[in-house]
Each structure stands twice: as structure tokens, then as C-alpha cells.
């Protein structure tokens, strides 16, 4: 799950830079159309077919994912990568609260404390800009709500579905849901520019194939709340990439925010490890 979060963390800067050349809806549809093609090829090579759980979870999760990815991309047209990562992480953190009434996964006290620490850390990472609610921030907040619902939808079906099949149906659903709006834009044009094509390639492979697949695999054994908390690491990775490659400024506040997020994650994971039962001792002879 941490690997998936790191892969997604890099996408904020990449999406922001790509939006100068391609419409937000066309960008998301483009990346998931190619991702669907790659995933279908792998499914055919492995002679797999999506089962009922993969179809249900993939379609439901894909609809929420489509909203999350599109709203995030629209928001990044007018907000910074750091603010977008913070607002997006709030939706992921809400997954633990959504899962209580929907999946009957009641968050523990440790998880609630970890979520509070991560939320405070994410707010520090974003800084004063996070308090400004303009058009970009509003779109991003709508996407954040979709992210939380997406995690819960996957958590409902992932334990019983084949991960590759569920990921494939999900990517196909995003593509089909957005295609009517994306067709108003030249979908092949961005691939003719080397720099834009390189960014799209990362978004396809890392952000639309590998990371979603890893999240489905993680949700086979982790609760929606723990996955949502681990996704709070996304702003940390996003700010690293924003500072290294995106030209955004570095401040002491960033270190404090990152420390709070890491503290929240480590606290919950440490408590979870302590709560896991150890191996059953063999009977004495």
C-alpha cells in the first residue's frame, strides 16, 4: 500500500504539467483507456475472466474512481500540487469513517488518533493555501469525497475478487464513463509530443495499472480505514516530487507536517502489529 501511495504521489506534479497540453477529462480517459488495453492483454495471456465479484466491485469502484480522478485533474488546473494532495488525502482519511456504517468496520481508538494526526500533518503540508476555497479547491474536495467512497467500494469486493480482474473492470469502467465527454477532444494528439507522451506513460503504467492493482491486493487483508490512513502518505510523496521536480518551495512547515503524518501511520501500524495474534505454540510432548 505504501508503494501504491508513492506511485500516486508523483502523479500530482505530472498531471499539473500535463494539463497545459490536454483537457482534464481527456487526460483521465486517455490514461485509463491505455491501461485497460494493457490489463486486458495480461488477462487474456493468463486465460482469466472477471467473476461476478470483480464485475460488481470493478463497476462500482470504477464510477467512484472516475469522479475522483477527473475532479482532481480539474482542480489541478488552478491549485498547487501540495494543496491538491492535502485535499485528496482528506477523502482517503474519511474512508475509515465511511466503512463504519457501510461495512461494519468500526474504527478503533488508535485508528481515529492516527487519522487525526495525519489530517493535521496534511494541513501543515498544504499550508495557508489549503484554507482558501476557490474553484480548484472545490473540485478537488469533490474528488476527495469520491476517493473515500472508492476505497470503501474496493474494500467491499476485494477480499473475494481476483485482483487483476477487478483492476481491469475498474479501468474499463472509468474509460467508458468518461468517453462521451473525452471524444470532444483529440485523444491521440498528446501522444505525438515526446514530453507529454512520457508523462502519460507514467500515468498509465504507475498511476492507472500498478498502483490500483496494489491497492486491491492490500484491501484483501487490510481494512478500509487502514488503507485510507496509509494513503495519507500521498501528500508526503507529492511534496517530495513537487520540491524536486515541480519547482514548489520547501519550508520547515513541510517537515512538521510530514512528521505528523508519519507519526499517525507508525502509531496505527505498531498498534495493529501488537494486536495480531502470534503463532500457536505446538503442544508439549
Protein backbone atom coordinates (compact mmCIF):
# COMPACT_ATOMS: atom_id res chain seq x y z
CA UNK A 1 0.00 0.00 0.00
CA UNK A 2 2.90 2.33 0.70
CA UNK A 3 4.33 1.51 -2.73
CA UNK A 4 1.00 2.37 -4.36
CA UNK A 5 0.87 5.64 -2.44
CA UNK A 6 4.39 6.58 -3.57
CA UNK A 7 3.46 5.93 -7.20
CA UNK A 8 0.36 8.11 -6.88
CA UNK A 9 2.30 10.81 -5.04
CA UNK A 10 4.28 11.56 -8.19
CA UNK A 11 1.16 12.00 -10.30
CA UNK A 12 0.15 15.37 -8.83
CA UNK A 13 3.05 17.24 -10.42
CA UNK A 14 2.82 15.18 -13.62
CA UNK A 15 -0.91 15.82 -14.02
CA UNK A 16 -0.46 19.53 -13.29
CA UNK A 17 2.20 19.83 -16.00
CA UNK A 18 0.20 17.72 -18.48
CA UNK A 19 -2.91 19.90 -18.21
CA UNK A 20 -1.18 22.60 -20.25
CA UNK A 21 -1.49 20.28 -23.27
CA UNK A 22 -4.61 18.21 -22.66
CA UNK A 23 -8.12 18.63 -21.25
CA UNK A 24 -8.66 17.09 -17.76
CA UNK A 25 -11.38 14.65 -18.82
CA UNK A 26 -9.46 13.65 -21.95
CA UNK A 27 -6.33 13.14 -19.81
CA UNK A 28 -8.05 10.72 -17.42
CA UNK A 29 -9.88 8.88 -20.20
CA UNK A 30 -6.67 8.60 -22.20
CA UNK A 31 -4.66 7.07 -19.37
CA UNK A 32 -7.33 4.56 -18.38
CA UNK A 33 -8.12 3.56 -21.97
CA UNK A 34 -4.49 2.54 -22.49
CA UNK A 35 -4.38 0.98 -19.02
CA UNK A 36 -7.46 -1.10 -19.87
CA UNK A 37 -5.80 -2.35 -23.04
CA UNK A 38 -2.66 -3.41 -21.14
CA UNK A 39 -4.68 -5.11 -18.40
CA UNK A 40 -6.88 -6.97 -20.91
CA UNK A 41 -3.77 -8.27 -22.68
CA UNK A 42 -2.46 -9.63 -19.37
CA UNK A 43 -5.84 -11.18 -18.54
CA UNK A 44 -6.01 -12.90 -21.94
CA UNK A 45 -2.43 -14.13 -21.59
CA UNK A 46 -3.32 -15.63 -18.20
CA UNK A 47 -6.62 -17.01 -19.56
CA UNK A 48 -8.61 -15.29 -16.85
CA UNK A 49 -12.16 -13.98 -16.86
CA UNK A 50 -13.62 -11.49 -14.39
CA UNK A 51 -16.00 -13.23 -11.99
CA UNK A 52 -19.18 -11.72 -10.53
CA UNK A 53 -17.34 -10.08 -7.62
CA UNK A 54 -14.81 -8.49 -9.99
CA UNK A 55 -17.62 -7.13 -12.18
CA UNK A 56 -19.60 -5.68 -9.28
CA UNK A 57 -16.59 -4.24 -7.47
CA UNK A 58 -14.95 -3.03 -10.68
CA UNK A 59 -18.01 -1.19 -11.97
CA UNK A 60 -18.86 0.41 -8.63
CA UNK A 61 -15.25 1.27 -7.83
CA UNK A 62 -14.66 2.50 -11.37
CA UNK A 63 -17.52 5.00 -11.16
CA UNK A 64 -16.15 6.49 -7.94
CA UNK A 65 -12.60 6.43 -9.36
CA UNK A 66 -13.75 8.26 -12.49
CA UNK A 67 -15.16 11.07 -10.36
CA UNK A 68 -12.08 11.19 -8.16
CA UNK A 69 -9.55 11.32 -10.99
CA UNK A 70 -11.50 13.84 -13.11
CA UNK A 71 -12.30 16.22 -10.25
CA UNK A 72 -8.68 16.03 -9.10
CA UNK A 73 -7.42 16.86 -12.61
CA UNK A 74 -9.84 19.79 -12.99
CA UNK A 75 -8.78 21.11 -9.58
CA UNK A 76 -5.09 20.94 -10.50
CA UNK A 77 -5.68 23.48 -13.26
CA UNK A 78 -5.92 26.23 -10.63
CA UNK A 79 -4.39 24.85 -7.40
CA UNK A 80 -0.92 23.68 -6.36
CA UNK A 81 0.19 20.06 -6.26
CA UNK A 82 0.69 20.28 -2.48
CA UNK A 83 -2.80 21.67 -1.81
CA UNK A 84 -4.34 19.08 -4.14
CA UNK A 85 -2.52 16.27 -2.33
CA UNK A 86 -3.72 17.55 1.06
CA UNK A 87 -7.36 17.86 -0.01
CA UNK A 88 -7.26 14.48 -1.74
CA UNK A 89 -5.87 12.84 1.38
CA UNK A 90 -8.81 14.09 3.44
CA UNK A 91 -11.12 11.93 1.35
CA UNK A 92 -8.90 8.91 1.85
CA UNK A 93 -8.86 9.51 5.61
CA UNK A 94 -12.66 9.58 5.58
CA UNK A 95 -12.70 6.00 4.28
CA UNK A 96 -12.37 4.74 7.85
CA UNK A 97 -15.50 6.66 8.85
CA UNK A 98 -17.44 5.61 5.74
CA UNK A 99 -16.59 1.97 6.40
CA UNK A 100 -18.23 2.01 9.85
CA UNK A 101 -21.90 2.20 8.76
CA UNK A 102 -21.38 0.64 5.31
CA UNK A 103 -19.01 -2.28 6.01
CA UNK A 104 -19.49 -2.52 9.79
CA UNK A 105 -15.74 -1.85 10.23
CA UNK A 106 -15.75 0.23 13.38
CA UNK A 107 -12.57 2.35 13.65
CA UNK A 108 -10.51 1.71 16.76
CA UNK A 109 -9.36 4.50 19.06
CA UNK A 110 -5.83 4.10 17.70
CA UNK A 111 -7.07 4.48 14.12
CA UNK A 112 -9.07 7.61 14.97
CA UNK A 113 -5.99 9.10 16.65
CA UNK A 114 -3.84 8.20 13.65
CA UNK A 115 -6.35 9.78 11.27
CA UNK A 116 -6.37 12.98 13.37
CA UNK A 117 -2.56 13.17 13.35
CA UNK A 118 -2.40 12.54 9.60
CA UNK A 119 -5.08 15.15 8.89
CA UNK A 120 -3.19 17.74 10.94
CA UNK A 121 0.04 16.85 9.16
CA UNK A 122 -1.59 17.10 5.74
CA UNK A 123 -2.94 20.54 6.64
CA UNK A 124 0.57 21.69 7.59
CA UNK A 125 1.96 20.38 4.31
CA UNK A 126 -0.60 22.34 2.31
CA UNK A 127 -0.17 25.49 4.43
CA UNK A 128 -2.38 28.60 4.30
CA UNK A 129 -3.34 27.83 0.69
CA UNK A 130 -5.48 24.96 1.97
CA UNK A 131 -7.73 27.45 3.76
CA UNK A 132 -8.58 29.22 0.51
CA UNK A 133 -11.59 27.55 -1.08
CA UNK A 134 -11.63 28.59 -4.71
CA UNK A 135 -12.83 26.73 -7.78
CA UNK A 136 -9.81 24.44 -7.88
CA UNK A 137 -10.09 23.54 -4.20
CA UNK A 138 -13.84 22.89 -4.55
CA UNK A 139 -13.33 20.49 -7.44
CA UNK A 140 -10.56 18.75 -5.50
CA UNK A 141 -12.79 18.36 -2.44
CA UNK A 142 -15.47 16.72 -4.60
CA UNK A 143 -12.79 14.34 -5.84
CA UNK A 144 -11.73 13.66 -2.25
CA UNK A 145 -15.24 12.51 -1.38
CA UNK A 146 -15.08 10.12 -4.33
CA UNK A 147 -11.71 8.78 -3.15
CA UNK A 148 -13.09 7.81 0.23
CA UNK A 149 -16.06 6.07 -1.38
CA UNK A 150 -13.71 4.35 -3.85
CA UNK A 151 -11.65 2.80 -1.05
CA UNK A 152 -14.80 1.53 0.69
CA UNK A 153 -16.22 0.11 -2.56
CA UNK A 154 -12.99 -1.79 -3.18
CA UNK A 155 -12.86 -2.96 0.43
CA UNK A 156 -16.33 -4.48 -0.02
CA UNK A 157 -15.37 -6.66 -3.02
CA UNK A 158 -11.55 -7.01 -2.98
CA UNK A 159 -11.39 -9.82 -0.35
CA UNK A 160 -13.32 -12.19 -2.66
CA UNK A 161 -12.37 -10.94 -6.13
CA UNK A 162 -9.30 -11.74 -8.23
CA UNK A 163 -7.17 -8.54 -8.04
CA UNK A 164 -6.14 -8.35 -11.70
CA UNK A 165 -9.70 -8.92 -12.93
CA UNK A 166 -11.15 -6.32 -10.55
CA UNK A 167 -8.50 -3.78 -11.59
CA UNK A 168 -9.24 -4.43 -15.27
CA UNK A 169 -13.02 -3.97 -14.93
CA UNK A 170 -12.40 -0.85 -12.87
CA UNK A 171 -10.13 0.71 -15.51
CA UNK A 172 -12.61 -0.17 -18.27
CA UNK A 173 -15.45 1.43 -16.29
CA UNK A 174 -13.51 4.68 -15.89
CA UNK A 175 -12.85 4.72 -19.65
CA UNK A 176 -16.46 4.03 -20.66
CA UNK A 177 -17.85 6.54 -18.13
CA UNK A 178 -15.69 9.37 -19.45
CA UNK A 179 -15.55 8.54 -23.16
CA UNK A 180 -18.65 10.59 -24.22
CA UNK A 181 -17.03 13.78 -22.86
CA UNK A 182 -13.47 12.91 -23.90
CA UNK A 183 -14.43 12.40 -27.56
CA UNK A 184 -14.84 16.17 -27.89
CA UNK A 185 -11.04 16.42 -27.69
CA UNK A 186 -8.26 14.95 -29.86
CA UNK A 187 -7.23 11.89 -27.83
CA UNK A 188 -4.22 10.90 -29.94
CA UNK A 189 -2.68 14.37 -30.24
CA UNK A 190 -0.93 14.38 -26.80
CA UNK A 191 0.93 11.16 -27.66
CA UNK A 192 2.71 12.91 -30.54
CA UNK A 193 4.62 15.23 -28.21
CA UNK A 194 7.52 13.35 -26.54
CA UNK A 195 7.34 15.20 -23.19
CA UNK A 196 3.56 14.82 -22.86
CA UNK A 197 3.73 11.19 -24.03
CA UNK A 198 6.34 10.42 -21.35
CA UNK A 199 4.09 11.90 -18.66
CA UNK A 200 1.08 9.97 -19.97
CA UNK A 201 3.11 6.77 -19.98
CA UNK A 202 3.88 7.17 -16.27
CA UNK A 203 0.23 7.95 -15.52
CA UNK A 204 -0.82 4.82 -17.42
CA UNK A 205 1.64 2.30 -16.03
CA UNK A 206 2.27 3.58 -12.50
CA UNK A 207 -0.92 5.51 -11.74
CA UNK A 208 -3.58 3.51 -13.61
CA UNK A 209 -2.28 -0.08 -13.64
CA UNK A 210 0.26 -0.81 -10.91
CA UNK A 211 -0.98 1.44 -8.07
CA UNK A 212 -4.70 0.47 -8.37
CA UNK A 213 -3.70 -3.19 -8.55
CA UNK A 214 -1.56 -2.90 -5.42
CA UNK A 215 -4.42 -1.18 -3.59
CA UNK A 216 -6.81 -4.03 -4.45
CA UNK A 217 -4.24 -6.56 -3.22
CA UNK A 218 -3.76 -4.60 0.01
CA UNK A 219 -7.50 -4.49 0.66
CA UNK A 220 -7.60 -8.27 0.74
CA UNK A 221 -6.03 -8.15 4.18
CA UNK A 222 -6.30 -4.54 5.40
CA UNK A 223 -9.40 -2.66 6.50
CA UNK A 224 -10.65 0.37 4.57
CA UNK A 225 -9.61 2.59 7.48
CA UNK A 226 -6.01 1.41 7.50
CA UNK A 227 -5.73 1.75 3.72
CA UNK A 228 -7.20 5.25 3.93
CA UNK A 229 -4.64 6.18 6.57
CA UNK A 230 -1.75 4.79 4.52
CA UNK A 231 -2.99 6.87 1.61
CA UNK A 232 -2.35 9.90 3.83
CA UNK A 233 1.31 9.37 2.95
CA UNK A 234 0.40 10.60 -0.53
CA UNK A 235 0.93 14.31 0.32
CA UNK A 236 4.39 13.48 1.69
CA UNK A 237 5.41 11.81 -1.57
CA UNK A 238 3.64 14.52 -3.59
CA UNK A 239 5.56 17.30 -1.85
CA UNK A 240 8.85 15.45 -2.35
CA UNK A 241 8.19 15.31 -6.09
CA UNK A 242 6.82 18.87 -6.13
CA UNK A 243 10.00 20.17 -4.47
CA UNK A 244 12.36 18.03 -6.55
CA UNK A 245 10.74 18.36 -9.97
CA UNK A 246 7.83 20.78 -9.74
CA UNK A 247 9.55 23.95 -8.58
CA UNK A 248 7.45 24.38 -5.43
CA UNK A 249 9.10 25.92 -2.35
CA UNK A 250 10.33 23.99 0.67
CA UNK A 251 9.69 25.21 4.24
CA UNK A 252 10.11 23.97 7.81
CA UNK A 253 6.33 23.56 7.98
CA UNK A 254 6.68 20.72 5.45
CA UNK A 255 8.91 18.74 7.84
CA UNK A 256 6.45 19.20 10.70
CA UNK A 257 3.52 18.08 8.55
CA UNK A 258 5.40 15.06 7.23
CA UNK A 259 6.41 14.12 10.77
CA UNK A 260 2.79 14.20 11.98
CA UNK A 261 1.62 12.03 9.07
CA UNK A 262 4.40 9.51 9.66
CA UNK A 263 3.63 9.52 13.39
CA UNK A 264 -0.02 8.75 12.73
CA UNK A 265 0.79 5.91 10.32
CA UNK A 266 3.50 4.38 12.52
CA UNK A 267 1.26 4.58 15.61
CA UNK A 268 -1.60 2.70 13.96
CA UNK A 269 0.62 0.10 12.29
CA UNK A 270 2.52 -0.53 15.55
CA UNK A 271 -0.73 -1.00 17.46
CA UNK A 272 -2.03 -3.29 14.72
CA UNK A 273 1.08 -5.45 14.89
CA UNK A 274 0.78 -5.72 18.66
CA UNK A 275 -2.86 -6.75 18.34
CA UNK A 276 -2.15 -9.52 15.81
CA UNK A 277 -2.09 -12.97 17.42
CA UNK A 278 1.22 -14.75 17.44
CA UNK A 279 1.86 -18.30 16.21
CA UNK A 280 0.09 -21.03 18.11
CA UNK A 281 2.65 -22.99 20.19
CA UNK A 282 2.97 -26.68 19.49
CA UNK A 283 1.70 -28.94 22.27
CA UNK A 284 4.43 -30.32 24.53
CA UNK A 285 5.28 -33.98 24.20
